[in-house]
Amino acid sequence: MCDRNERQSLWGDLIYYSNRFKNESWVVVGDFNVTKCGSEHTSNGNMTKAMAYFNKTIVSAKLEDLRSTRFHYTWSNRRIGNGVISKKLDRAMGNWFWFKN
């Protein structure tokens, strides 16, 4: 979601469901439209408020990234040269029970 308020609603839902299903194995997969850290963004290494909220949600929901292979960046503005921007927006995360199994 591009809208800040809609993303906040999604973060709240993730925390809610993580608490509801904390004793079950589950994963969440998708385009979160925000990176976790500066190294997941080619044009800016600064931590933004959106990134801070996303990280707080991941910690609260007790989620960890599933190991990925191949491409580090999952989105690009498809420009060439100085105007190129690439980000890791798509990810898969699981809870502790997912990794335990």
N, C-alpha and C. Protein backbone atom coordinates (compact mmCIF):
# COMPACT_ATOMS: atom_id res chain seq x y z
N MET A 1 0.83 -1.18 0.00
CA MET A 1 0.00 0.00 0.00
C MET A 1 0.87 1.24 0.00
N CYS A 2 0.51 2.19 -0.79
CA CYS A 2 1.29 3.42 -0.89
C CYS A 2 0.89 4.43 0.18
N ASP A 3 -0.34 4.39 0.63
CA ASP A 3 -0.82 5.33 1.62
C ASP A 3 -0.32 4.95 3.02
N ARG A 4 0.22 5.91 3.73
CA ARG A 4 0.78 5.69 5.06
C ARG A 4 -0.25 5.10 6.02
N ASN A 5 -1.48 5.64 6.02
CA ASN A 5 -2.51 5.16 6.93
C ASN A 5 -2.91 3.71 6.61
N GLU A 6 -2.97 3.38 5.34
CA GLU A 6 -3.30 2.00 4.96
C GLU A 6 -2.19 1.05 5.39
N ARG A 7 -0.94 1.49 5.25
CA ARG A 7 0.17 0.65 5.71
C ARG A 7 0.11 0.46 7.21
N GLN A 8 -0.21 1.50 7.96
CA GLN A 8 -0.33 1.39 9.42
C GLN A 8 -1.40 0.35 9.78
N SER A 9 -2.49 0.33 9.03
CA SER A 9 -3.55 -0.64 9.25
C SER A 9 -3.03 -2.06 8.99
N LEU A 10 -2.25 -2.22 7.93
CA LEU A 10 -1.66 -3.52 7.62
C LEU A 10 -0.70 -3.96 8.72
N TRP A 11 0.12 -3.04 9.21
CA TRP A 11 1.05 -3.38 10.30
C TRP A 11 0.28 -3.83 11.53
N GLY A 12 -0.80 -3.16 11.84
CA GLY A 12 -1.63 -3.56 12.98
C GLY A 12 -2.22 -4.95 12.77
N ASP A 13 -2.66 -5.24 11.54
CA ASP A 13 -3.20 -6.56 11.24
C ASP A 13 -2.12 -7.64 11.40
N LEU A 14 -0.92 -7.37 10.95
CA LEU A 14 0.17 -8.35 11.08
C LEU A 14 0.44 -8.67 12.55
N ILE A 15 0.47 -7.65 13.38
CA ILE A 15 0.71 -7.86 14.81
C ILE A 15 -0.46 -8.63 15.43
N TYR A 16 -1.68 -8.26 15.06
CA TYR A 16 -2.86 -8.95 15.57
C TYR A 16 -2.81 -10.44 15.23
N TYR A 17 -2.59 -10.77 13.96
CA TYR A 17 -2.59 -12.17 13.55
C TYR A 17 -1.38 -12.93 14.08
N SER A 18 -0.27 -12.24 14.26
CA SER A 18 0.89 -12.93 14.83
C SER A 18 0.61 -13.36 16.26
N ASN A 19 -0.14 -12.54 17.00
CA ASN A 19 -0.52 -12.91 18.37
C ASN A 19 -1.60 -13.99 18.37
N ARG A 20 -2.51 -13.89 17.45
CA ARG A 20 -3.60 -14.87 17.38
C ARG A 20 -3.10 -16.27 17.01
N PHE A 21 -2.11 -16.33 16.12
CA PHE A 21 -1.60 -17.61 15.65
C PHE A 21 -0.16 -17.87 16.10
N LYS A 22 0.20 -17.36 17.26
CA LYS A 22 1.58 -17.45 17.71
C LYS A 22 2.06 -18.88 17.96
N ASN A 23 1.16 -19.80 18.16
CA ASN A 23 1.55 -21.19 18.39
C ASN A 23 1.37 -22.07 17.16
N GLU A 24 1.24 -21.43 16.00
CA GLU A 24 1.09 -22.16 14.74
C GLU A 24 2.14 -21.67 13.75
N SER A 25 2.47 -22.53 12.83
CA SER A 25 3.44 -22.19 11.79
C SER A 25 2.75 -21.36 10.71
N TRP A 26 3.31 -20.19 10.40
CA TRP A 26 2.72 -19.37 9.33
C TRP A 26 3.75 -18.46 8.70
N VAL A 27 3.46 -18.05 7.47
CA VAL A 27 4.32 -17.12 6.74
C VAL A 27 3.46 -16.01 6.15
N VAL A 28 4.11 -14.91 5.85
CA VAL A 28 3.46 -13.81 5.16
C VAL A 28 4.36 -13.47 3.98
N VAL A 29 3.76 -13.32 2.80
CA VAL A 29 4.50 -13.10 1.56
C VAL A 29 3.86 -11.94 0.82
N GLY A 30 4.67 -11.04 0.29
CA GLY A 30 4.08 -9.99 -0.52
C GLY A 30 4.99 -8.80 -0.75
N ASP A 31 4.41 -7.81 -1.39
CA ASP A 31 5.06 -6.53 -1.65
C ASP A 31 4.64 -5.60 -0.52
N PHE A 32 5.59 -5.26 0.35
CA PHE A 32 5.29 -4.44 1.51
C PHE A 32 5.48 -2.95 1.23
N ASN A 33 5.97 -2.63 0.05
CA ASN A 33 6.14 -1.24 -0.40
C ASN A 33 7.03 -0.41 0.51
N VAL A 34 7.91 -1.09 1.26
CA VAL A 34 8.87 -0.40 2.11
C VAL A 34 10.04 -1.36 2.35
N THR A 35 11.23 -0.81 2.46
CA THR A 35 12.41 -1.62 2.75
C THR A 35 12.66 -1.66 4.26
N LYS A 36 13.42 -2.67 4.70
CA LYS A 36 13.75 -2.77 6.12
C LYS A 36 14.94 -1.89 6.50
N CYS A 37 15.89 -1.73 5.58
CA CYS A 37 17.10 -0.99 5.90
C CYS A 37 17.65 -0.32 4.64
N GLY A 38 18.60 0.57 4.84
CA GLY A 38 19.17 1.33 3.73
C GLY A 38 19.85 0.48 2.69
N SER A 39 20.39 -0.66 3.08
CA SER A 39 21.09 -1.52 2.12
C SER A 39 20.13 -2.20 1.14
N GLU A 40 18.82 -2.08 1.39
CA GLU A 40 17.83 -2.64 0.48
C GLU A 40 17.30 -1.59 -0.50
N HIS A 41 18.01 -0.47 -0.60
CA HIS A 41 17.60 0.66 -1.44
C HIS A 41 18.84 1.25 -2.07
N THR A 42 18.88 1.33 -3.40
CA THR A 42 20.11 1.78 -4.07
C THR A 42 20.34 3.28 -4.00
N SER A 43 19.30 4.07 -3.82
CA SER A 43 19.52 5.52 -3.93
C SER A 43 19.60 6.25 -2.59
N ASN A 44 19.26 5.59 -1.49
CA ASN A 44 19.26 6.29 -0.22
C ASN A 44 19.48 5.30 0.91
N GLY A 45 20.51 5.51 1.71
CA GLY A 45 20.79 4.61 2.81
C GLY A 45 20.21 5.06 4.14
N ASN A 46 19.42 6.13 4.13
CA ASN A 46 18.86 6.67 5.37
C ASN A 46 17.66 5.88 5.85
N MET A 47 17.50 5.79 7.16
CA MET A 47 16.33 5.16 7.76
C MET A 47 15.19 6.16 7.76
N THR A 48 14.05 5.77 7.20
CA THR A 48 12.88 6.65 7.16
C THR A 48 11.89 6.23 8.24
N LYS A 49 10.89 7.06 8.48
CA LYS A 49 9.85 6.71 9.44
C LYS A 49 9.11 5.45 9.01
N ALA A 50 8.84 5.34 7.70
CA ALA A 50 8.15 4.15 7.19
C ALA A 50 8.96 2.89 7.47
N MET A 51 10.27 2.97 7.29
CA MET A 51 11.13 1.82 7.56
C MET A 51 11.14 1.49 9.05
N ALA A 52 11.17 2.50 9.89
CA ALA A 52 11.17 2.29 11.34
C ALA A 52 9.88 1.61 11.79
N TYR A 53 8.74 2.05 11.26
CA TYR A 53 7.46 1.42 11.60
C TYR A 53 7.43 -0.03 11.12
N PHE A 54 7.94 -0.26 9.92
CA PHE A 54 7.97 -1.62 9.37
C PHE A 54 8.83 -2.53 10.25
N ASN A 55 9.99 -2.05 10.63
CA ASN A 55 10.87 -2.85 11.49
C ASN A 55 10.24 -3.11 12.86
N LYS A 56 9.58 -2.11 13.40
CA LYS A 56 8.90 -2.28 14.69
C LYS A 56 7.82 -3.35 14.57
N THR A 57 7.11 -3.35 13.47
CA THR A 57 6.07 -4.35 13.22
C THR A 57 6.66 -5.74 13.12
N ILE A 58 7.75 -5.87 12.37
CA ILE A 58 8.38 -7.18 12.20
C ILE A 58 8.84 -7.74 13.54
N VAL A 59 9.42 -6.89 14.37
CA VAL A 59 9.87 -7.33 15.70
C VAL A 59 8.67 -7.70 16.56
N SER A 60 7.64 -6.86 16.57
CA SER A 60 6.44 -7.13 17.38
C SER A 60 5.74 -8.41 16.94
N ALA A 61 5.72 -8.66 15.64
CA ALA A 61 5.07 -9.85 15.10
C ALA A 61 5.97 -11.07 15.17
N LYS A 62 7.21 -10.87 15.60
CA LYS A 62 8.19 -11.95 15.72
C LYS A 62 8.39 -12.69 14.40
N LEU A 63 8.59 -11.91 13.34
CA LEU A 63 8.81 -12.46 12.01
C LEU A 63 10.26 -12.33 11.60
N GLU A 64 10.71 -13.27 10.79
CA GLU A 64 12.07 -13.25 10.24
C GLU A 64 11.97 -13.51 8.74
N ASP A 65 12.88 -12.91 7.99
CA ASP A 65 12.92 -13.15 6.55
C ASP A 65 13.26 -14.60 6.26
N LEU A 66 12.56 -15.19 5.31
CA LEU A 66 12.96 -16.49 4.80
C LEU A 66 14.17 -16.27 3.91
N ARG A 67 15.04 -17.23 3.87
CA ARG A 67 16.24 -17.11 3.05
C ARG A 67 15.84 -16.98 1.58
N SER A 68 16.42 -16.03 0.92
CA SER A 68 16.11 -15.84 -0.50
C SER A 68 17.37 -16.07 -1.33
N THR A 69 17.17 -16.35 -2.57
CA THR A 69 18.28 -16.57 -3.50
C THR A 69 18.08 -15.70 -4.73
N ARG A 70 19.13 -15.54 -5.45
CA ARG A 70 19.15 -14.82 -6.72
C ARG A 70 19.10 -13.31 -6.54
N PHE A 71 17.98 -12.68 -6.74
CA PHE A 71 17.92 -11.23 -6.83
C PHE A 71 17.76 -10.58 -5.46
N HIS A 72 18.64 -9.60 -5.17
CA HIS A 72 18.53 -8.86 -3.91
C HIS A 72 17.41 -7.82 -4.00
N TYR A 73 17.32 -7.13 -5.14
CA TYR A 73 16.29 -6.11 -5.32
C TYR A 73 15.11 -6.72 -6.09
N THR A 74 13.90 -6.38 -5.66
CA THR A 74 12.71 -6.94 -6.28
C THR A 74 11.91 -5.92 -7.07
N TRP A 75 12.30 -4.66 -7.02
CA TRP A 75 11.60 -3.60 -7.74
C TRP A 75 12.61 -2.65 -8.33
N SER A 76 12.28 -2.09 -9.49
CA SER A 76 13.14 -1.10 -10.14
C SER A 76 12.27 -0.09 -10.86
N ASN A 77 12.76 1.14 -10.96
CA ASN A 77 12.04 2.15 -11.73
C ASN A 77 12.36 2.05 -13.23
N ARG A 78 13.17 1.07 -13.60
CA ARG A 78 13.52 0.73 -15.00
C ARG A 78 14.26 1.85 -15.74
N ARG A 79 14.90 2.70 -15.00
CA ARG A 79 15.73 3.72 -15.63
C ARG A 79 17.14 3.20 -15.76
N ILE A 80 17.93 3.91 -16.53
CA ILE A 80 19.33 3.53 -16.75
C ILE A 80 20.20 4.71 -16.33
N GLY A 81 21.37 4.40 -15.77
CA GLY A 81 22.31 5.45 -15.40
C GLY A 81 22.04 6.01 -14.03
N ASN A 82 22.23 7.32 -13.89
CA ASN A 82 22.12 7.97 -12.58
C ASN A 82 20.71 7.94 -12.00
N GLY A 83 19.70 7.80 -12.83
CA GLY A 83 18.32 7.84 -12.35
C GLY A 83 17.76 6.50 -11.90
N VAL A 84 18.58 5.45 -11.95
CA VAL A 84 18.08 4.13 -11.59
C VAL A 84 17.87 4.00 -10.08
N ILE A 85 16.75 3.40 -9.71
CA ILE A 85 16.45 3.11 -8.32
C ILE A 85 15.99 1.66 -8.25
N SER A 86 16.57 0.93 -7.34
CA SER A 86 16.16 -0.45 -7.09
C SER A 86 15.94 -0.63 -5.60
N LYS A 87 14.93 -1.45 -5.25
CA LYS A 87 14.59 -1.67 -3.85
C LYS A 87 14.17 -3.13 -3.64
N LYS A 88 14.31 -3.58 -2.41
CA LYS A 88 13.76 -4.87 -2.02
C LYS A 88 12.44 -4.61 -1.31
N LEU A 89 11.35 -4.73 -2.06
CA LEU A 89 10.02 -4.48 -1.51
C LEU A 89 9.25 -5.77 -1.26
N ASP A 90 9.55 -6.80 -2.05
CA ASP A 90 8.88 -8.09 -1.91
C ASP A 90 9.67 -8.98 -0.99
N ARG A 91 8.99 -9.65 -0.10
CA ARG A 91 9.69 -10.54 0.82
C ARG A 91 8.73 -11.60 1.35
N ALA A 92 9.33 -12.63 1.91
CA ALA A 92 8.59 -13.69 2.60
C ALA A 92 9.16 -13.78 4.00
N MET A 93 8.28 -13.77 5.00
CA MET A 93 8.71 -13.83 6.40
C MET A 93 7.90 -14.90 7.12
N GLY A 94 8.56 -15.56 8.03
CA GLY A 94 7.89 -16.60 8.80
C GLY A 94 8.08 -16.39 10.29
N ASN A 95 7.23 -17.03 11.06
CA ASN A 95 7.37 -16.97 12.51
C ASN A 95 8.28 -18.10 12.98
N TRP A 96 8.52 -18.18 14.28
CA TRP A 96 9.45 -19.15 14.83
C TRP A 96 9.03 -20.58 14.51
N PHE A 97 7.73 -20.86 14.57
CA PHE A 97 7.26 -22.21 14.29
C PHE A 97 7.52 -22.62 12.84
N TRP A 98 7.49 -21.66 11.95
CA TRP A 98 7.78 -21.95 10.54
C TRP A 98 9.22 -22.46 10.39
N PHE A 99 10.13 -21.79 11.06
CA PHE A 99 11.54 -22.18 10.95
C PHE A 99 11.83 -23.46 11.72
N LYS A 100 11.05 -23.72 12.74
CA LYS A 100 11.25 -24.91 13.57
C LYS A 100 10.92 -26.19 12.81
N ASN A 101 9.93 -26.12 11.92
CA ASN A 101 9.48 -27.30 11.18
C ASN A 101 10.36 -27.64 10.03
